[in-house]
């Protein structure tokens, strides 16, 4: 199983503590800690993803649950009223994020904010977040990584000027968070609130 490199310090630390508990603590202490050690490996898994591809498709940037599909004003990069698809990741989802389309990064902005529940509407404005704007064959698309209650670090891999590929790794968020995709109204959104998505596989929108 492929592991995101950001996970190894946590995995090594958790299993080192398991070894100490096994050697020096009562048996039940090591038994209680073992599921946590297995969970941290699962959290940082980075599976290879294959699925539909094309410049007319918008692929899910995250595993998780669609918590809203709404029209919003996006003043920073698209500078228009656009569609926003919000995907919430719980602590059991894969947390490696992927680019929804191929294109060139034109914009990147980090906003230090709070750590409220990522599934709420106000999280889009108040929570810590990292936004990436990309110019695609179909126009501009914005992807925003939003930290949640227990997330304390957003990793965004690339800088403006980088050419990226659809479903390529975009970054990662620890430990429970949300990813928003902002799309022009010329794209037809295919998912609805309550749908589950798989990063790099689920088609969330398409251009005709």
C-alpha atoms as a PDB file:
ATOM      1  CA  UNK A   1       0.000   0.000   0.000  1.00  0.00           C
ATOM      2  CA  UNK A   2       1.396   3.380  -1.007  1.00  0.00           C
ATOM      3  CA  UNK A   3       1.706   5.900   1.852  1.00  0.00           C
ATOM      4  CA  UNK A   4       1.793   9.690   1.558  1.00  0.00           C
ATOM      5  CA  UNK A   5       5.284  10.856   2.641  1.00  0.00           C
ATOM      6  CA  UNK A   6       3.794  13.274   5.198  1.00  0.00           C
ATOM      7  CA  UNK A   7       2.476  10.269   7.095  1.00  0.00           C
ATOM      8  CA  UNK A   8       5.714   8.486   7.920  1.00  0.00           C
ATOM      9  CA  UNK A   9       6.695  10.607  10.969  1.00  0.00           C
ATOM     10  CA  UNK A  10       3.263   9.899  12.483  1.00  0.00           C
ATOM     11  CA  UNK A  11       3.319   6.211  11.603  1.00  0.00           C
ATOM     12  CA  UNK A  12       6.808   5.728  13.045  1.00  0.00           C
ATOM     13  CA  UNK A  13       5.920   7.665  16.195  1.00  0.00           C
ATOM     14  CA  UNK A  14       2.662   5.807  16.809  1.00  0.00           C
ATOM     15  CA  UNK A  15       4.248   2.385  16.307  1.00  0.00           C
ATOM     16  CA  UNK A  16       7.254   3.313  18.460  1.00  0.00           C
ATOM     17  CA  UNK A  17       4.839   4.080  21.297  1.00  0.00           C
ATOM     18  CA  UNK A  18       3.099   0.747  20.620  1.00  0.00           C
ATOM     19  CA  UNK A  19       6.454  -1.024  21.022  1.00  0.00           C
ATOM     20  CA  UNK A  20       7.080   0.757  24.330  1.00  0.00           C
ATOM     21  CA  UNK A  21       3.612  -0.150  25.612  1.00  0.00           C
ATOM     22  CA  UNK A  22       4.063  -3.762  24.519  1.00  0.00           C
ATOM     23  CA  UNK A  23       7.411  -3.985  26.328  1.00  0.00           C
ATOM     24  CA  UNK A  24       6.684  -2.111  29.541  1.00  0.00           C
ATOM     25  CA  UNK A  25       2.942  -1.539  30.028  1.00  0.00           C
ATOM     26  CA  UNK A  26       0.068  -3.899  30.881  1.00  0.00           C
ATOM     27  CA  UNK A  27      -1.067  -5.945  27.874  1.00  0.00           C
ATOM     28  CA  UNK A  28      -4.360  -4.092  27.613  1.00  0.00           C
ATOM     29  CA  UNK A  29      -2.588  -0.737  27.076  1.00  0.00           C
ATOM     30  CA  UNK A  30      -0.833  -2.051  23.965  1.00  0.00           C
ATOM     31  CA  UNK A  31      -4.083  -3.670  22.807  1.00  0.00           C
ATOM     32  CA  UNK A  32      -5.986  -0.392  23.137  1.00  0.00           C
ATOM     33  CA  UNK A  33      -3.307   1.570  21.257  1.00  0.00           C
ATOM     34  CA  UNK A  34      -3.027  -0.934  18.383  1.00  0.00           C
ATOM     35  CA  UNK A  35      -6.215   0.176  16.534  1.00  0.00           C
ATOM     36  CA  UNK A  36      -4.921   3.759  16.585  1.00  0.00           C
ATOM     37  CA  UNK A  37      -1.657   2.586  14.993  1.00  0.00           C
ATOM     38  CA  UNK A  38      -3.586   0.794  12.262  1.00  0.00           C
ATOM     39  CA  UNK A  39      -5.798   3.827  11.724  1.00  0.00           C
ATOM     40  CA  UNK A  40      -2.872   6.209  11.197  1.00  0.00           C
ATOM     41  CA  UNK A  41      -1.555   3.940   8.423  1.00  0.00           C
ATOM     42  CA  UNK A  42      -4.997   3.893   6.807  1.00  0.00           C
ATOM     43  CA  UNK A  43      -5.340   7.674   7.129  1.00  0.00           C
ATOM     44  CA  UNK A  44      -2.178   8.381   5.127  1.00  0.00           C
ATOM     45  CA  UNK A  45      -2.801   5.798   2.402  1.00  0.00           C
ATOM     46  CA  UNK A  46      -2.350   7.130  -1.128  1.00  0.00           C
ATOM     47  CA  UNK A  47      -3.962   4.632  -3.515  1.00  0.00           C
ATOM     48  CA  UNK A  48      -3.397   4.718  -7.253  1.00  0.00           C
ATOM     49  CA  UNK A  49      -6.588   6.009  -8.849  1.00  0.00           C
ATOM     50  CA  UNK A  50      -7.768   5.377 -12.404  1.00  0.00           C
ATOM     51  CA  UNK A  51     -10.999   6.584 -13.935  1.00  0.00           C
ATOM     52  CA  UNK A  52     -12.583   8.735 -16.626  1.00  0.00           C
ATOM     53  CA  UNK A  53     -10.394  11.521 -17.980  1.00  0.00           C
ATOM     54  CA  UNK A  54     -10.873  14.419 -20.385  1.00  0.00           C
ATOM     55  CA  UNK A  55     -10.822  18.204 -20.603  1.00  0.00           C
ATOM     56  CA  UNK A  56     -14.645  18.215 -20.575  1.00  0.00           C
ATOM     57  CA  UNK A  57     -14.749  16.432 -17.206  1.00  0.00           C
ATOM     58  CA  UNK A  58     -14.279  17.700 -13.655  1.00  0.00           C
ATOM     59  CA  UNK A  59     -13.019  14.872 -11.451  1.00  0.00           C
ATOM     60  CA  UNK A  60     -13.551  14.828  -7.675  1.00  0.00           C
ATOM     61  CA  UNK A  61     -10.548  16.316  -5.856  1.00  0.00           C
ATOM     62  CA  UNK A  62     -11.313  14.447  -2.632  1.00  0.00           C
ATOM     63  CA  UNK A  63     -12.834  11.306  -1.153  1.00  0.00           C
ATOM     64  CA  UNK A  64     -15.835  12.127   0.964  1.00  0.00           C
ATOM     65  CA  UNK A  65     -19.413  13.340   1.139  1.00  0.00           C
ATOM     66  CA  UNK A  66     -20.904  16.160  -0.938  1.00  0.00           C
ATOM     67  CA  UNK A  67     -22.254  18.554   1.695  1.00  0.00           C
ATOM     68  CA  UNK A  68     -23.420  21.355  -0.602  1.00  0.00           C
ATOM     69  CA  UNK A  69     -23.829  22.388  -4.230  1.00  0.00           C
ATOM     70  CA  UNK A  70     -24.572  26.125  -4.330  1.00  0.00           C
ATOM     71  CA  UNK A  71     -24.078  29.324  -6.288  1.00  0.00           C
ATOM     72  CA  UNK A  72     -21.650  31.753  -4.625  1.00  0.00           C
ATOM     73  CA  UNK A  73     -19.659  34.868  -5.428  1.00  0.00           C
ATOM     74  CA  UNK A  74     -15.948  34.119  -5.890  1.00  0.00           C
ATOM     75  CA  UNK A  75     -14.109  37.479  -5.932  1.00  0.00           C
ATOM     76  CA  UNK A  76     -10.473  36.357  -5.769  1.00  0.00           C
ATOM     77  CA  UNK A  77      -9.751  34.328  -8.907  1.00  0.00           C
ATOM     78  CA  UNK A  78     -12.840  33.620 -11.014  1.00  0.00           C
ATOM     79  CA  UNK A  79     -14.245  37.038 -10.055  1.00  0.00           C
ATOM     80  CA  UNK A  80     -17.804  35.975 -10.827  1.00  0.00           C
ATOM     81  CA  UNK A  81     -20.848  34.194  -9.466  1.00  0.00           C
ATOM     82  CA  UNK A  82     -20.039  30.518  -9.808  1.00  0.00           C
ATOM     83  CA  UNK A  83     -21.028  27.019  -8.737  1.00  0.00           C
ATOM     84  CA  UNK A  84     -19.380  25.577  -5.629  1.00  0.00           C
ATOM     85  CA  UNK A  85     -19.250  21.855  -4.910  1.00  0.00           C
ATOM     86  CA  UNK A  86     -18.146  21.112  -1.314  1.00  0.00           C
ATOM     87  CA  UNK A  87     -16.807  17.678  -0.327  1.00  0.00           C
ATOM     88  CA  UNK A  88     -16.338  16.837   3.361  1.00  0.00           C
ATOM     89  CA  UNK A  89     -13.676  14.302   4.361  1.00  0.00           C
ATOM     90  CA  UNK A  90     -14.005  12.478   7.665  1.00  0.00           C
ATOM     91  CA  UNK A  91     -11.048  10.933   9.481  1.00  0.00           C
ATOM     92  CA  UNK A  92     -11.553   7.589   7.732  1.00  0.00           C
ATOM     93  CA  UNK A  93     -11.397   8.939   4.172  1.00  0.00           C
ATOM     94  CA  UNK A  94      -8.259   9.057   2.043  1.00  0.00           C
ATOM     95  CA  UNK A  95      -6.938  12.588   2.567  1.00  0.00           C
ATOM     96  CA  UNK A  96      -4.707  12.965  -0.483  1.00  0.00           C
ATOM     97  CA  UNK A  97      -6.311  15.603  -2.727  1.00  0.00           C
ATOM     98  CA  UNK A  98      -6.135  15.548  -6.537  1.00  0.00           C
ATOM     99  CA  UNK A  99      -6.491  18.096  -9.327  1.00  0.00           C
ATOM    100  CA  UNK A 100      -9.951  17.991 -10.914  1.00  0.00           C
ATOM    101  CA  UNK A 101      -8.652  19.003 -14.340  1.00  0.00           C
ATOM    102  CA  UNK A 102      -5.414  19.450 -16.237  1.00  0.00           C
ATOM    103  CA  UNK A 103      -4.142  23.007 -16.595  1.00  0.00           C
ATOM    104  CA  UNK A 104      -1.651  25.621 -15.483  1.00  0.00           C
ATOM    105  CA  UNK A 105      -1.701  27.050 -11.971  1.00  0.00           C
ATOM    106  CA  UNK A 106      -2.174  30.819 -12.050  1.00  0.00           C
ATOM    107  CA  UNK A 107      -3.119  31.574  -8.456  1.00  0.00           C
ATOM    108  CA  UNK A 108      -2.310  30.325  -4.984  1.00  0.00           C
ATOM    109  CA  UNK A 109      -3.380  31.862  -1.702  1.00  0.00           C
ATOM    110  CA  UNK A 110      -3.189  30.726   1.916  1.00  0.00           C
ATOM    111  CA  UNK A 111      -5.531  32.162   4.533  1.00  0.00           C
ATOM    112  CA  UNK A 112      -4.818  31.517   8.190  1.00  0.00           C
ATOM    113  CA  UNK A 113      -8.127  31.087   9.960  1.00  0.00           C
ATOM    114  CA  UNK A 114      -9.966  29.134  12.629  1.00  0.00           C
ATOM    115  CA  UNK A 115     -10.569  25.383  12.955  1.00  0.00           C
ATOM    116  CA  UNK A 116     -14.343  25.054  13.088  1.00  0.00           C
ATOM    117  CA  UNK A 117     -16.315  22.114  11.727  1.00  0.00           C
ATOM    118  CA  UNK A 118     -15.423  21.885   8.025  1.00  0.00           C
ATOM    119  CA  UNK A 119     -18.895  20.717   7.014  1.00  0.00           C
ATOM    120  CA  UNK A 120     -20.580  24.018   7.900  1.00  0.00           C
ATOM    121  CA  UNK A 121     -21.228  26.859   5.480  1.00  0.00           C
ATOM    122  CA  UNK A 122     -19.190  29.390   7.455  1.00  0.00           C
ATOM    123  CA  UNK A 123     -16.084  27.184   7.197  1.00  0.00           C
ATOM    124  CA  UNK A 124     -15.636  28.427   3.632  1.00  0.00           C
ATOM    125  CA  UNK A 125     -15.004  31.909   4.995  1.00  0.00           C
ATOM    126  CA  UNK A 126     -13.602  31.428   8.498  1.00  0.00           C
ATOM    127  CA  UNK A 127     -11.464  28.259   8.536  1.00  0.00           C
ATOM    128  CA  UNK A 128      -7.809  27.940   7.637  1.00  0.00           C
ATOM    129  CA  UNK A 129      -7.626  27.329   3.893  1.00  0.00           C
ATOM    130  CA  UNK A 130      -5.404  27.104   0.840  1.00  0.00           C
ATOM    131  CA  UNK A 131      -6.759  28.026  -2.605  1.00  0.00           C
ATOM    132  CA  UNK A 132      -5.342  27.136  -6.015  1.00  0.00           C
ATOM    133  CA  UNK A 133      -6.609  28.678  -9.251  1.00  0.00           C
ATOM    134  CA  UNK A 134      -5.943  26.879 -12.510  1.00  0.00           C
ATOM    135  CA  UNK A 135      -6.424  27.802 -16.154  1.00  0.00           C
ATOM    136  CA  UNK A 136      -7.841  24.783 -17.993  1.00  0.00           C
ATOM    137  CA  UNK A 137      -8.918  24.111 -21.570  1.00  0.00           C
ATOM    138  CA  UNK A 138     -12.451  25.083 -20.479  1.00  0.00           C
ATOM    139  CA  UNK A 139     -11.566  28.179 -18.495  1.00  0.00           C
ATOM    140  CA  UNK A 140     -10.709  28.995 -14.909  1.00  0.00           C
ATOM    141  CA  UNK A 141     -11.326  26.579 -12.010  1.00  0.00           C
ATOM    142  CA  UNK A 142     -10.592  27.174  -8.323  1.00  0.00           C
ATOM    143  CA  UNK A 143      -9.938  24.444  -5.755  1.00  0.00           C
ATOM    144  CA  UNK A 144      -9.902  25.267  -2.035  1.00  0.00           C
ATOM    145  CA  UNK A 145      -8.570  23.029   0.735  1.00  0.00           C
ATOM    146  CA  UNK A 146     -10.234  23.849   4.072  1.00  0.00           C
ATOM    147  CA  UNK A 147      -9.020  22.676   7.471  1.00  0.00           C
ATOM    148  CA  UNK A 148     -11.492  21.226   9.987  1.00  0.00           C
ATOM    149  CA  UNK A 149     -11.854  20.663  13.711  1.00  0.00           C
ATOM    150  CA  UNK A 150      -8.779  18.454  14.119  1.00  0.00           C
ATOM    151  CA  UNK A 151      -6.900  19.383  10.938  1.00  0.00           C
ATOM    152  CA  UNK A 152      -3.769  21.344  11.769  1.00  0.00           C
ATOM    153  CA  UNK A 153      -1.861  21.381   8.507  1.00  0.00           C
ATOM    154  CA  UNK A 154      -2.773  21.881   4.876  1.00  0.00           C
ATOM    155  CA  UNK A 155      -0.233  20.692   2.309  1.00  0.00           C
ATOM    156  CA  UNK A 156      -0.473  22.192  -1.197  1.00  0.00           C
ATOM    157  CA  UNK A 157       2.191  20.784  -3.497  1.00  0.00           C
ATOM    158  CA  UNK A 158       2.657  23.218  -6.381  1.00  0.00           C
ATOM    159  CA  UNK A 159       3.367  26.883  -7.072  1.00  0.00           C
ATOM    160  CA  UNK A 160       1.873  29.176  -9.749  1.00  0.00           C
ATOM    161  CA  UNK A 161       3.285  28.472 -13.189  1.00  0.00           C
ATOM    162  CA  UNK A 162       3.196  24.702 -12.718  1.00  0.00           C
ATOM    163  CA  UNK A 163       1.447  22.608 -15.367  1.00  0.00           C
ATOM    164  CA  UNK A 164      -0.580  19.908 -13.606  1.00  0.00           C
ATOM    165  CA  UNK A 165      -2.490  16.856 -14.799  1.00  0.00           C
ATOM    166  CA  UNK A 166      -6.029  15.758 -14.034  1.00  0.00           C
ATOM    167  CA  UNK A 167      -6.100  13.421 -10.986  1.00  0.00           C
ATOM    168  CA  UNK A 168      -2.459  14.229 -10.144  1.00  0.00           C
ATOM    169  CA  UNK A 169      -1.808  14.726  -6.436  1.00  0.00           C
ATOM    170  CA  UNK A 170      -2.588  18.280  -5.339  1.00  0.00           C
ATOM    171  CA  UNK A 171      -1.784  17.970  -1.648  1.00  0.00           C
ATOM    172  CA  UNK A 172      -3.126  16.640   1.645  1.00  0.00           C
ATOM    173  CA  UNK A 173      -4.947  17.817   4.769  1.00  0.00           C
ATOM    174  CA  UNK A 174      -4.527  16.384   8.276  1.00  0.00           C
ATOM    175  CA  UNK A 175      -6.942  15.139   9.932  1.00  0.00           C
ATOM    176  CA  UNK A 176     -10.528  15.735   8.759  1.00  0.00           C
ATOM    177  CA  UNK A 177     -11.413  18.546   6.417  1.00  0.00           C
ATOM    178  CA  UNK A 178     -13.117  19.727   3.230  1.00  0.00           C
ATOM    179  CA  UNK A 179     -12.336  20.559  -0.389  1.00  0.00           C
ATOM    180  CA  UNK A 180     -14.389  23.017  -2.458  1.00  0.00           C
ATOM    181  CA  UNK A 181     -14.397  23.218  -6.260  1.00  0.00           C
ATOM    182  CA  UNK A 182     -15.547  26.487  -7.867  1.00  0.00           C
ATOM    183  CA  UNK A 183     -16.799  26.164 -11.456  1.00  0.00           C
ATOM    184  CA  UNK A 184     -18.238  28.546 -14.066  1.00  0.00           C
ATOM    185  CA  UNK A 185     -21.944  28.100 -14.732  1.00  0.00           C
ATOM    186  CA  UNK A 186     -21.085  26.708 -18.177  1.00  0.00           C
ATOM    187  CA  UNK A 187     -20.214  23.408 -16.471  1.00  0.00           C
ATOM    188  CA  UNK A 188     -23.050  21.025 -15.591  1.00  0.00           C
ATOM    189  CA  UNK A 189     -22.708  19.707 -12.034  1.00  0.00           C
ATOM    190  CA  UNK A 190     -23.570  15.996 -11.846  1.00  0.00           C
ATOM    191  CA  UNK A 191     -23.427  15.372  -8.086  1.00  0.00           C
ATOM    192  CA  UNK A 192     -25.909  16.285  -5.375  1.00  0.00           C
ATOM    193  CA  UNK A 193     -25.813  16.844  -1.636  1.00  0.00           C
ATOM    194  CA  UNK A 194     -25.428  13.470   0.077  1.00  0.00           C
ATOM    195  CA  UNK A 195     -23.489  11.819  -2.761  1.00  0.00           C
ATOM    196  CA  UNK A 196     -20.177  10.136  -1.988  1.00  0.00           C
ATOM    197  CA  UNK A 197     -17.110  10.877  -4.109  1.00  0.00           C
ATOM    198  CA  UNK A 198     -13.814   9.136  -4.818  1.00  0.00           C
ATOM    199  CA  UNK A 199     -10.859  11.390  -5.650  1.00  0.00           C
ATOM    200  CA  UNK A 200      -9.536  10.819  -9.140  1.00  0.00           C
ATOM    201  CA  UNK A 201     -12.584   8.720 -10.146  1.00  0.00           C
ATOM    202  CA  UNK A 202     -15.938  10.377  -9.550  1.00  0.00           C
ATOM    203  CA  UNK A 203     -17.050  12.860 -12.232  1.00  0.00           C
ATOM    204  CA  UNK A 204     -18.549  15.834 -10.384  1.00  0.00           C
ATOM    205  CA  UNK A 205     -19.264  18.015 -13.421  1.00  0.00           C
ATOM    206  CA  UNK A 206     -18.813  18.181 -17.170  1.00  0.00           C
ATOM    207  CA  UNK A 207     -18.930  20.540 -20.105  1.00  0.00           C
ATOM    208  CA  UNK A 208     -21.096  19.494 -23.045  1.00  0.00           C
END
